[in-house]
Amino acid sequence: MTRSIVRFGLVLAMLLAPGRMAAQATGGAAVGDTVRIAAHTLGPAIRGELVAVRGDTLFVDRHGATLAVPMSRVERVDVRRRRSMLGGIARGVSWGAPLGFAAGFLLGAAAEGGGDPDCADDCHQLPVIGAASGLAMGIVLGGVIGAASPSGRWVQVYSHRRVAVGSTGRGVALSLNVKL
């Protein structure tokens, strides 16, 4: 019960003090990070390097030009986080292993073709050998490619609070989008 009262108080405070929340809006972004800012009133998403945060304005370097983006117009801020080398290897192996297995199996089955009717104990071994070889090759190549290109992912660090009211079949619904 205490937690629900605390949550209700936090939500109420965010609704009543939107100006104070904007100052803490980019808590996960630091100067020098690559950011993607969604501000639909300013056009498509702005992507660039965060140069400074002054008051309620973000300054983003985009292709050599510094853009000032007021937080009042920002709907979402995402930060580009690089994956570690180990994460890149894991991602590469997760793609390479099944693709190598499937390719090796299909090549082995195609190489076997109709097969020899008098094959005795060595019937249908080419697809198995091909699948095992393809799996090993997929693991190795996927790991090498993943280590060479760890890439990254976008992490949302700010989302504008939204309140929506709509009618339902039995009454009125209130929707609140807040990240706590």
N, C-alpha and C. Protein backbone atom coordinates (compact mmCIF):
# COMPACT_ATOMS: atom_id res chain seq x y z
N MET A 1 0.82 -1.18 0.00
CA MET A 1 0.00 0.00 0.00
C MET A 1 0.87 1.25 0.00
N THR A 2 1.97 1.21 0.75
CA THR A 2 2.86 2.36 0.82
C THR A 2 3.47 2.66 -0.54
N ARG A 3 3.84 1.59 -1.27
CA ARG A 3 4.43 1.79 -2.61
C ARG A 3 3.46 2.46 -3.56
N SER A 4 2.20 2.06 -3.52
CA SER A 4 1.23 2.67 -4.42
C SER A 4 1.01 4.15 -4.08
N ILE A 5 1.08 4.49 -2.81
CA ILE A 5 0.95 5.90 -2.43
C ILE A 5 2.15 6.70 -2.93
N VAL A 6 3.36 6.11 -2.81
CA VAL A 6 4.57 6.78 -3.30
C VAL A 6 4.50 6.95 -4.81
N ARG A 7 4.09 5.92 -5.53
CA ARG A 7 3.98 6.02 -6.99
C ARG A 7 2.97 7.08 -7.39
N PHE A 8 1.82 7.09 -6.70
CA PHE A 8 0.81 8.10 -7.00
C PHE A 8 1.37 9.49 -6.77
N GLY A 9 2.12 9.68 -5.69
CA GLY A 9 2.73 10.98 -5.40
C GLY A 9 3.74 11.39 -6.47
N LEU A 10 4.55 10.43 -6.94
CA LEU A 10 5.52 10.74 -8.00
C LEU A 10 4.83 11.14 -9.29
N VAL A 11 3.80 10.40 -9.67
CA VAL A 11 3.06 10.72 -10.89
C VAL A 11 2.41 12.09 -10.77
N LEU A 12 1.81 12.36 -9.63
CA LEU A 12 1.18 13.65 -9.41
C LEU A 12 2.20 14.79 -9.47
N ALA A 13 3.37 14.58 -8.88
CA ALA A 13 4.42 15.60 -8.92
C ALA A 13 4.90 15.86 -10.34
N MET A 14 5.01 14.82 -11.15
CA MET A 14 5.45 15.01 -12.53
C MET A 14 4.42 15.76 -13.35
N LEU A 15 3.14 15.52 -13.07
CA LEU A 15 2.10 16.22 -13.80
C LEU A 15 2.01 17.69 -13.41
N LEU A 16 2.27 17.97 -12.13
CA LEU A 16 2.14 19.34 -11.65
C LEU A 16 3.39 20.18 -11.87
N ALA A 17 4.55 19.54 -12.08
CA ALA A 17 5.80 20.29 -12.23
C ALA A 17 6.54 19.88 -13.49
N PRO A 18 5.96 20.10 -14.68
CA PRO A 18 6.63 19.67 -15.91
C PRO A 18 7.90 20.45 -16.21
N GLY A 19 8.00 21.71 -15.80
CA GLY A 19 9.19 22.50 -16.08
C GLY A 19 10.42 21.98 -15.35
N ARG A 20 10.25 21.53 -14.13
CA ARG A 20 11.38 21.01 -13.35
C ARG A 20 11.87 19.68 -13.90
N MET A 21 10.98 18.89 -14.47
CA MET A 21 11.37 17.59 -15.02
C MET A 21 12.20 17.76 -16.28
N ALA A 22 12.01 18.82 -17.04
CA ALA A 22 12.74 19.01 -18.28
C ALA A 22 14.23 19.20 -18.03
N ALA A 23 14.59 19.78 -16.88
CA ALA A 23 16.00 20.00 -16.59
C ALA A 23 16.74 18.69 -16.39
N GLN A 24 16.04 17.63 -15.96
CA GLN A 24 16.67 16.33 -15.74
C GLN A 24 16.41 15.40 -16.91
N ALA A 25 16.00 15.93 -18.03
CA ALA A 25 15.52 15.11 -19.13
C ALA A 25 16.57 14.21 -19.73
N THR A 26 17.80 14.63 -19.80
CA THR A 26 18.81 13.85 -20.49
C THR A 26 19.75 13.20 -19.50
N GLY A 27 19.22 12.63 -18.44
CA GLY A 27 20.03 12.01 -17.41
C GLY A 27 20.95 10.92 -17.93
N GLY A 28 20.60 10.23 -19.02
CA GLY A 28 21.43 9.15 -19.55
C GLY A 28 22.35 9.60 -20.66
N ALA A 29 22.28 10.84 -21.09
CA ALA A 29 23.12 11.33 -22.18
C ALA A 29 24.20 12.24 -21.62
N ALA A 30 25.39 12.09 -22.14
CA ALA A 30 26.51 12.93 -21.73
C ALA A 30 27.06 13.67 -22.95
N VAL A 31 27.72 14.76 -22.70
CA VAL A 31 28.33 15.52 -23.80
C VAL A 31 29.32 14.61 -24.52
N GLY A 32 29.21 14.57 -25.83
CA GLY A 32 30.06 13.71 -26.65
C GLY A 32 29.35 12.47 -27.15
N ASP A 33 28.18 12.14 -26.58
CA ASP A 33 27.42 10.98 -27.03
C ASP A 33 26.73 11.27 -28.35
N THR A 34 26.52 10.21 -29.13
CA THR A 34 25.71 10.33 -30.33
C THR A 34 24.25 10.19 -29.91
N VAL A 35 23.44 11.19 -30.25
CA VAL A 35 22.04 11.20 -29.83
C VAL A 35 21.13 11.27 -31.05
N ARG A 36 19.91 10.79 -30.83
CA ARG A 36 18.84 10.90 -31.84
C ARG A 36 17.66 11.53 -31.11
N ILE A 37 17.25 12.70 -31.58
CA ILE A 37 16.21 13.47 -30.92
C ILE A 37 14.97 13.50 -31.81
N ALA A 38 13.86 13.03 -31.25
CA ALA A 38 12.59 13.07 -31.98
C ALA A 38 11.82 14.28 -31.50
N ALA A 39 11.65 15.21 -32.41
CA ALA A 39 10.86 16.42 -32.14
C ALA A 39 10.03 16.67 -33.39
N HIS A 40 8.82 16.15 -33.40
CA HIS A 40 8.00 16.18 -34.61
C HIS A 40 7.66 17.58 -35.08
N THR A 41 7.66 18.54 -34.19
CA THR A 41 7.40 19.91 -34.62
C THR A 41 8.58 20.50 -35.38
N LEU A 42 9.77 19.89 -35.23
CA LEU A 42 10.96 20.38 -35.93
C LEU A 42 11.28 19.58 -37.19
N GLY A 43 10.49 18.56 -37.49
CA GLY A 43 10.73 17.73 -38.67
C GLY A 43 11.21 16.35 -38.28
N PRO A 44 11.96 15.69 -39.19
CA PRO A 44 12.42 14.33 -38.88
C PRO A 44 13.43 14.32 -37.73
N ALA A 45 13.71 13.12 -37.22
CA ALA A 45 14.62 12.98 -36.07
C ALA A 45 15.97 13.63 -36.35
N ILE A 46 16.49 14.30 -35.35
CA ILE A 46 17.80 14.96 -35.44
C ILE A 46 18.82 14.01 -34.85
N ARG A 47 19.85 13.71 -35.63
CA ARG A 47 20.89 12.79 -35.18
C ARG A 47 22.23 13.49 -35.25
N GLY A 48 22.99 13.44 -34.15
CA GLY A 48 24.30 14.06 -34.13
C GLY A 48 24.95 13.90 -32.78
N GLU A 49 26.02 14.66 -32.55
CA GLU A 49 26.77 14.57 -31.30
C GLU A 49 26.27 15.65 -30.35
N LEU A 50 25.98 15.25 -29.10
CA LEU A 50 25.54 16.19 -28.09
C LEU A 50 26.73 17.05 -27.67
N VAL A 51 26.62 18.36 -27.91
CA VAL A 51 27.72 19.28 -27.62
C VAL A 51 27.57 19.91 -26.24
N ALA A 52 26.34 20.30 -25.87
CA ALA A 52 26.12 20.96 -24.58
C ALA A 52 24.65 20.86 -24.20
N VAL A 53 24.41 21.00 -22.90
CA VAL A 53 23.06 21.10 -22.36
C VAL A 53 23.06 22.34 -21.46
N ARG A 54 22.31 23.34 -21.88
CA ARG A 54 22.25 24.59 -21.11
C ARG A 54 20.79 24.90 -20.81
N GLY A 55 20.48 24.89 -19.53
CA GLY A 55 19.10 25.16 -19.12
C GLY A 55 18.15 24.12 -19.68
N ASP A 56 17.23 24.58 -20.50
CA ASP A 56 16.26 23.67 -21.10
C ASP A 56 16.48 23.52 -22.61
N THR A 57 17.75 23.63 -23.05
CA THR A 57 18.08 23.52 -24.47
C THR A 57 19.21 22.53 -24.68
N LEU A 58 19.06 21.68 -25.69
CA LEU A 58 20.11 20.75 -26.09
C LEU A 58 20.81 21.32 -27.32
N PHE A 59 22.14 21.23 -27.35
CA PHE A 59 22.91 21.68 -28.49
C PHE A 59 23.53 20.45 -29.14
N VAL A 60 23.18 20.23 -30.42
CA VAL A 60 23.60 19.03 -31.14
C VAL A 60 24.40 19.44 -32.36
N ASP A 61 25.60 18.85 -32.50
CA ASP A 61 26.45 19.08 -33.67
C ASP A 61 26.03 18.09 -34.75
N ARG A 62 25.52 18.62 -35.85
CA ARG A 62 25.07 17.78 -36.95
C ARG A 62 25.75 18.25 -38.23
N HIS A 63 26.67 17.45 -38.72
CA HIS A 63 27.41 17.75 -39.95
C HIS A 63 28.11 19.10 -39.88
N GLY A 64 28.70 19.41 -38.74
CA GLY A 64 29.46 20.65 -38.59
C GLY A 64 28.65 21.85 -38.17
N ALA A 65 27.33 21.75 -38.16
CA ALA A 65 26.48 22.85 -37.73
C ALA A 65 25.87 22.51 -36.38
N THR A 66 25.87 23.47 -35.47
CA THR A 66 25.30 23.24 -34.13
C THR A 66 23.86 23.69 -34.12
N LEU A 67 22.98 22.76 -33.76
CA LEU A 67 21.55 23.04 -33.69
C LEU A 67 21.13 23.16 -32.23
N ALA A 68 20.32 24.15 -31.93
CA ALA A 68 19.76 24.32 -30.59
C ALA A 68 18.35 23.75 -30.60
N VAL A 69 18.10 22.77 -29.73
CA VAL A 69 16.80 22.12 -29.68
C VAL A 69 16.19 22.37 -28.30
N PRO A 70 15.11 23.14 -28.22
CA PRO A 70 14.47 23.38 -26.92
C PRO A 70 13.78 22.11 -26.41
N MET A 71 13.94 21.82 -25.11
CA MET A 71 13.36 20.61 -24.53
C MET A 71 11.84 20.62 -24.58
N SER A 72 11.24 21.80 -24.69
CA SER A 72 9.78 21.87 -24.77
C SER A 72 9.25 21.21 -26.04
N ARG A 73 10.08 21.09 -27.06
CA ARG A 73 9.67 20.47 -28.32
C ARG A 73 10.13 19.01 -28.45
N VAL A 74 10.96 18.55 -27.54
CA VAL A 74 11.52 17.20 -27.63
C VAL A 74 10.50 16.19 -27.12
N GLU A 75 10.28 15.14 -27.93
CA GLU A 75 9.39 14.07 -27.51
C GLU A 75 10.16 12.86 -27.00
N ARG A 76 11.36 12.63 -27.57
CA ARG A 76 12.15 11.47 -27.15
C ARG A 76 13.62 11.73 -27.46
N VAL A 77 14.51 11.25 -26.57
CA VAL A 77 15.95 11.33 -26.79
C VAL A 77 16.51 9.91 -26.65
N ASP A 78 17.22 9.47 -27.67
CA ASP A 78 17.89 8.17 -27.66
C ASP A 78 19.39 8.39 -27.73
N VAL A 79 20.16 7.53 -27.06
CA VAL A 79 21.62 7.61 -27.07
C VAL A 79 22.14 6.32 -27.70
N ARG A 80 23.16 6.47 -28.53
CA ARG A 80 23.78 5.32 -29.19
C ARG A 80 24.80 4.71 -28.23
N ARG A 81 24.59 3.46 -27.84
CA ARG A 81 25.50 2.73 -26.96
C ARG A 81 26.18 1.64 -27.77
N ARG A 82 27.51 1.64 -27.74
CA ARG A 82 28.27 0.63 -28.47
C ARG A 82 28.22 -0.69 -27.72
N ARG A 83 28.16 -1.77 -28.48
CA ARG A 83 28.23 -3.10 -27.89
C ARG A 83 29.69 -3.44 -27.61
N SER A 84 29.90 -4.28 -26.63
CA SER A 84 31.24 -4.74 -26.34
C SER A 84 31.66 -5.74 -27.40
N MET A 85 32.96 -6.06 -27.45
CA MET A 85 33.44 -7.03 -28.42
C MET A 85 32.80 -8.39 -28.16
N LEU A 86 32.66 -8.75 -26.89
CA LEU A 86 32.04 -10.03 -26.55
C LEU A 86 30.58 -10.06 -27.00
N GLY A 87 29.89 -8.95 -26.85
CA GLY A 87 28.51 -8.86 -27.34
C GLY A 87 28.45 -9.00 -28.85
N GLY A 88 29.43 -8.41 -29.56
CA GLY A 88 29.49 -8.54 -31.02
C GLY A 88 29.76 -9.97 -31.44
N ILE A 89 30.64 -10.65 -30.71
CA ILE A 89 30.93 -12.06 -31.02
C ILE A 89 29.67 -12.90 -30.81
N ALA A 90 28.98 -12.68 -29.70
CA ALA A 90 27.76 -13.44 -29.42
C ALA A 90 26.71 -13.20 -30.50
N ARG A 91 26.57 -11.97 -30.93
CA ARG A 91 25.59 -11.67 -31.98
C ARG A 91 25.99 -12.33 -33.30
N GLY A 92 27.28 -12.29 -33.63
CA GLY A 92 27.75 -12.92 -34.86
C GLY A 92 27.57 -14.43 -34.84
N VAL A 93 27.86 -15.06 -33.71
CA VAL A 93 27.69 -16.51 -33.60
C VAL A 93 26.21 -16.87 -33.66
N SER A 94 25.36 -16.05 -33.05
CA SER A 94 23.92 -16.36 -33.06
C SER A 94 23.34 -16.31 -34.46
N TRP A 95 23.94 -15.54 -35.35
CA TRP A 95 23.51 -15.51 -36.75
C TRP A 95 24.26 -16.56 -37.58
N GLY A 96 25.56 -16.68 -37.35
CA GLY A 96 26.38 -17.56 -38.18
C GLY A 96 26.11 -19.04 -37.98
N ALA A 97 25.87 -19.47 -36.74
CA ALA A 97 25.68 -20.90 -36.46
C ALA A 97 24.47 -21.49 -37.18
N PRO A 98 23.27 -20.92 -37.05
CA PRO A 98 22.13 -21.53 -37.77
C PRO A 98 22.23 -21.39 -39.28
N LEU A 99 22.78 -20.26 -39.75
CA LEU A 99 22.92 -20.11 -41.21
C LEU A 99 23.93 -21.10 -41.77
N GLY A 100 25.06 -21.28 -41.07
CA GLY A 100 26.06 -22.26 -41.51
C GLY A 100 25.52 -23.68 -41.47
N PHE A 101 24.78 -24.01 -40.42
CA PHE A 101 24.19 -25.34 -40.29
C PHE A 101 23.24 -25.63 -41.45
N ALA A 102 22.34 -24.68 -41.73
CA ALA A 102 21.35 -24.86 -42.81
C ALA A 102 22.03 -24.94 -44.17
N ALA A 103 22.99 -24.05 -44.42
CA ALA A 103 23.68 -24.07 -45.71
C ALA A 103 24.46 -25.36 -45.90
N GLY A 104 25.16 -25.82 -44.86
CA GLY A 104 25.90 -27.07 -44.96
C GLY A 104 25.00 -28.27 -45.19
N PHE A 105 23.87 -28.31 -44.51
CA PHE A 105 22.92 -29.41 -44.70
C PHE A 105 22.38 -29.42 -46.12
N LEU A 106 21.97 -28.24 -46.62
CA LEU A 106 21.42 -28.16 -47.98
C LEU A 106 22.47 -28.52 -49.03
N LEU A 107 23.71 -28.07 -48.86
CA LEU A 107 24.77 -28.43 -49.82
C LEU A 107 25.07 -29.92 -49.77
N GLY A 108 25.08 -30.51 -48.57
CA GLY A 108 25.31 -31.94 -48.45
C GLY A 108 24.19 -32.75 -49.09
N ALA A 109 22.96 -32.31 -48.91
CA ALA A 109 21.82 -33.01 -49.52
C ALA A 109 21.85 -32.88 -51.03
N ALA A 110 22.25 -31.71 -51.53
CA ALA A 110 22.33 -31.51 -52.97
C ALA A 110 23.47 -32.34 -53.56
N ALA A 111 24.58 -32.44 -52.85
CA ALA A 111 25.73 -33.22 -53.34
C ALA A 111 25.41 -34.71 -53.37
N GLU A 112 24.63 -35.16 -52.43
CA GLU A 112 24.27 -36.58 -52.38
C GLU A 112 23.33 -36.93 -53.52
N GLY A 113 22.47 -36.01 -53.88
CA GLY A 113 21.55 -36.21 -54.99
C GLY A 113 20.68 -37.44 -54.78
N GLY A 114 20.54 -38.25 -55.82
CA GLY A 114 19.75 -39.48 -55.75
C GLY A 114 20.43 -40.53 -54.92
N GLY A 115 21.75 -40.47 -54.86
CA GLY A 115 22.49 -41.44 -54.05
C GLY A 115 22.63 -42.78 -54.76
N ASP A 116 23.40 -43.63 -54.18
CA ASP A 116 23.64 -44.98 -54.71
C ASP A 116 22.70 -45.93 -53.98
N PRO A 117 21.91 -46.73 -54.72
CA PRO A 117 20.99 -47.64 -54.03
C PRO A 117 21.71 -48.72 -53.22
N ASP A 118 22.96 -48.99 -53.52
CA ASP A 118 23.72 -50.02 -52.80
C ASP A 118 24.71 -49.36 -51.83
N CYS A 119 24.28 -48.39 -51.06
CA CYS A 119 25.21 -47.62 -50.22
C CYS A 119 25.50 -48.28 -48.88
N ALA A 120 24.73 -49.23 -48.47
CA ALA A 120 24.91 -49.97 -47.22
C ALA A 120 24.95 -49.03 -46.01
N ASP A 121 26.08 -48.96 -45.28
CA ASP A 121 26.14 -48.19 -44.02
C ASP A 121 26.38 -46.70 -44.20
N ASP A 122 26.83 -46.26 -45.36
CA ASP A 122 27.17 -44.85 -45.52
C ASP A 122 26.10 -44.03 -46.24
N CYS A 123 24.85 -44.47 -46.17
CA CYS A 123 23.76 -43.70 -46.78
C CYS A 123 23.47 -42.43 -45.97
N HIS A 124 23.17 -41.37 -46.62
CA HIS A 124 22.74 -40.10 -46.04
C HIS A 124 23.75 -39.49 -45.07
N GLN A 125 25.00 -39.69 -45.33
CA GLN A 125 26.01 -39.09 -44.46
C GLN A 125 26.46 -37.71 -44.93
N LEU A 126 26.33 -37.43 -46.22
CA LEU A 126 26.76 -36.12 -46.73
C LEU A 126 25.97 -34.95 -46.12
N PRO A 127 24.65 -35.04 -45.97
CA PRO A 127 23.95 -33.93 -45.31
C PRO A 127 24.40 -33.73 -43.86
N VAL A 128 24.68 -34.83 -43.15
CA VAL A 128 25.12 -34.72 -41.76
C VAL A 128 26.51 -34.11 -41.69
N ILE A 129 27.41 -34.57 -42.56
CA ILE A 129 28.77 -34.02 -42.59
C ILE A 129 28.74 -32.55 -43.02
N GLY A 130 27.91 -32.25 -44.01
CA GLY A 130 27.77 -30.85 -44.46
C GLY A 130 27.21 -29.96 -43.37
N ALA A 131 26.22 -30.45 -42.63
CA ALA A 131 25.62 -29.66 -41.55
C ALA A 131 26.64 -29.40 -40.44
N ALA A 132 27.41 -30.43 -40.07
CA ALA A 132 28.42 -30.25 -39.02
C ALA A 132 29.52 -29.30 -39.48
N SER A 133 29.95 -29.42 -40.72
CA SER A 133 30.98 -28.52 -41.26
C SER A 133 30.45 -27.08 -41.36
N GLY A 134 29.21 -26.95 -41.82
CA GLY A 134 28.61 -25.62 -41.94
C GLY A 134 28.41 -24.97 -40.58
N LEU A 135 28.04 -25.77 -39.58
CA LEU A 135 27.88 -25.24 -38.22
C LEU A 135 29.22 -24.71 -37.69
N ALA A 136 30.27 -25.50 -37.85
CA ALA A 136 31.60 -25.07 -37.38
C ALA A 136 32.06 -23.81 -38.13
N MET A 137 31.87 -23.79 -39.43
CA MET A 137 32.28 -22.62 -40.22
C MET A 137 31.43 -21.39 -39.86
N GLY A 138 30.13 -21.58 -39.62
CA GLY A 138 29.26 -20.48 -39.24
C GLY A 138 29.65 -19.88 -37.89
N ILE A 139 30.02 -20.76 -36.94
CA ILE A 139 30.46 -20.28 -35.62
C ILE A 139 31.73 -19.45 -35.75
N VAL A 140 32.70 -19.97 -36.50
CA VAL A 140 33.98 -19.27 -36.64
C VAL A 140 33.80 -17.95 -37.40
N LEU A 141 33.16 -18.01 -38.58
CA LEU A 141 32.99 -16.78 -39.37
C LEU A 141 32.09 -15.77 -38.67
N GLY A 142 31.01 -16.24 -38.05
CA GLY A 142 30.12 -15.34 -37.32
C GLY A 142 30.85 -14.65 -36.17
N GLY A 143 31.68 -15.40 -35.44
CA GLY A 143 32.44 -14.82 -34.34
C GLY A 143 33.43 -13.78 -34.82
N VAL A 144 34.13 -14.07 -35.92
CA VAL A 144 35.11 -13.13 -36.47
C VAL A 144 34.42 -11.86 -36.97
N ILE A 145 33.35 -12.02 -37.72
CA ILE A 145 32.63 -10.86 -38.25
C ILE A 145 32.01 -10.05 -37.10
N GLY A 146 31.44 -10.74 -36.10
CA GLY A 146 30.86 -10.05 -34.96
C GLY A 146 31.89 -9.28 -34.15
N ALA A 147 33.10 -9.85 -34.00
CA ALA A 147 34.17 -9.16 -33.26
C ALA A 147 34.67 -7.95 -34.02
N ALA A 148 34.68 -8.03 -35.34
CA ALA A 148 35.17 -6.92 -36.16
C ALA A 148 34.17 -5.77 -36.23
N SER A 149 32.90 -6.07 -36.07
CA SER A 149 31.88 -5.02 -36.17
C SER A 149 30.88 -5.14 -35.02
N PRO A 150 31.25 -4.69 -33.83
CA PRO A 150 30.35 -4.83 -32.69
C PRO A 150 29.10 -3.96 -32.78
N SER A 151 29.09 -2.94 -33.63
CA SER A 151 27.99 -2.00 -33.84
C SER A 151 27.45 -1.44 -32.54
N GLY A 152 26.19 -1.17 -32.47
CA GLY A 152 25.62 -0.57 -31.27
C GLY A 152 24.11 -0.64 -31.30
N ARG A 153 23.49 -0.01 -30.30
CA ARG A 153 22.04 -0.01 -30.23
C ARG A 153 21.60 1.34 -29.67
N TRP A 154 20.39 1.71 -29.97
CA TRP A 154 19.82 2.95 -29.45
C TRP A 154 19.13 2.66 -28.13
N VAL A 155 19.42 3.48 -27.11
CA VAL A 155 18.82 3.35 -25.79
C VAL A 155 18.05 4.64 -25.50
N GLN A 156 16.78 4.50 -25.18
CA GLN A 156 15.96 5.67 -24.87
C GLN A 156 16.29 6.19 -23.49
N VAL A 157 16.64 7.48 -23.40
CA VAL A 157 16.98 8.09 -22.11
C VAL A 157 15.96 9.13 -21.66
N TYR A 158 15.09 9.54 -22.57
CA TYR A 158 14.07 10.52 -22.21
C TYR A 158 12.85 10.30 -23.09
N SER A 159 11.69 10.38 -22.47
CA SER A 159 10.43 10.31 -23.19
C SER A 159 9.50 11.35 -22.60
N HIS A 160 8.93 12.15 -23.46
CA HIS A 160 8.01 13.19 -23.00
C HIS A 160 6.78 12.55 -22.38
N ARG A 161 6.36 13.11 -21.26
CA ARG A 161 5.17 12.59 -20.60
C ARG A 161 3.95 12.89 -21.47
N ARG A 162 3.07 11.90 -21.55
CA ARG A 162 1.85 12.10 -22.34
C ARG A 162 0.65 11.70 -21.50
N VAL A 163 -0.38 12.49 -21.57
CA VAL A 163 -1.63 12.18 -20.91
C VAL A 163 -2.70 12.17 -22.00
N ALA A 164 -3.49 11.08 -22.04
CA ALA A 164 -4.54 10.97 -23.03
C ALA A 164 -5.83 10.56 -22.33
N VAL A 165 -6.93 11.12 -22.79
CA VAL A 165 -8.24 10.80 -22.26
C VAL A 165 -9.11 10.37 -23.43
N GLY A 166 -9.82 9.26 -23.25
CA GLY A 166 -10.68 8.77 -24.31
C GLY A 166 -11.89 8.07 -23.73
N SER A 167 -12.92 7.90 -24.55
CA SER A 167 -14.12 7.24 -24.06
C SER A 167 -14.06 5.75 -24.40
N THR A 168 -14.60 4.96 -23.50
CA THR A 168 -14.71 3.52 -23.72
C THR A 168 -16.19 3.17 -23.73
N GLY A 169 -16.49 1.91 -23.88
CA GLY A 169 -17.89 1.50 -23.90
C GLY A 169 -18.59 1.73 -22.58
N ARG A 170 -17.84 1.73 -21.47
CA ARG A 170 -18.46 1.84 -20.16
C ARG A 170 -18.08 3.13 -19.43
N GLY A 171 -17.37 4.01 -20.04
CA GLY A 171 -16.98 5.23 -19.33
C GLY A 171 -15.83 5.93 -20.00
N VAL A 172 -14.93 6.51 -19.19
CA VAL A 172 -13.81 7.29 -19.67
C VAL A 172 -12.52 6.60 -19.25
N ALA A 173 -11.51 6.60 -20.13
CA ALA A 173 -10.21 5.99 -19.83
C ALA A 173 -9.15 7.10 -19.81
N LEU A 174 -8.26 7.00 -18.85
CA LEU A 174 -7.14 7.93 -18.72
C LEU A 174 -5.85 7.15 -18.94
N SER A 175 -5.01 7.63 -19.84
CA SER A 175 -3.73 6.97 -20.13
C SER A 175 -2.61 7.93 -19.80
N LEU A 176 -1.61 7.42 -19.09
CA LEU A 176 -0.46 8.23 -18.69
C LEU A 176 0.80 7.48 -19.07
N ASN A 177 1.68 8.09 -19.84
CA ASN A 177 2.93 7.47 -20.26
C ASN A 177 4.07 8.17 -19.53
N VAL A 178 4.59 7.52 -18.48
CA VAL A 178 5.65 8.10 -17.68
C VAL A 178 6.69 7.03 -17.43
N LYS A 179 7.98 7.36 -17.61
CA LYS A 179 9.06 6.44 -17.30
C LYS A 179 9.61 6.79 -15.93
N LEU A 180 9.46 5.88 -14.97
CA LEU A 180 9.93 6.13 -13.61
C LEU A 180 11.31 5.55 -13.40
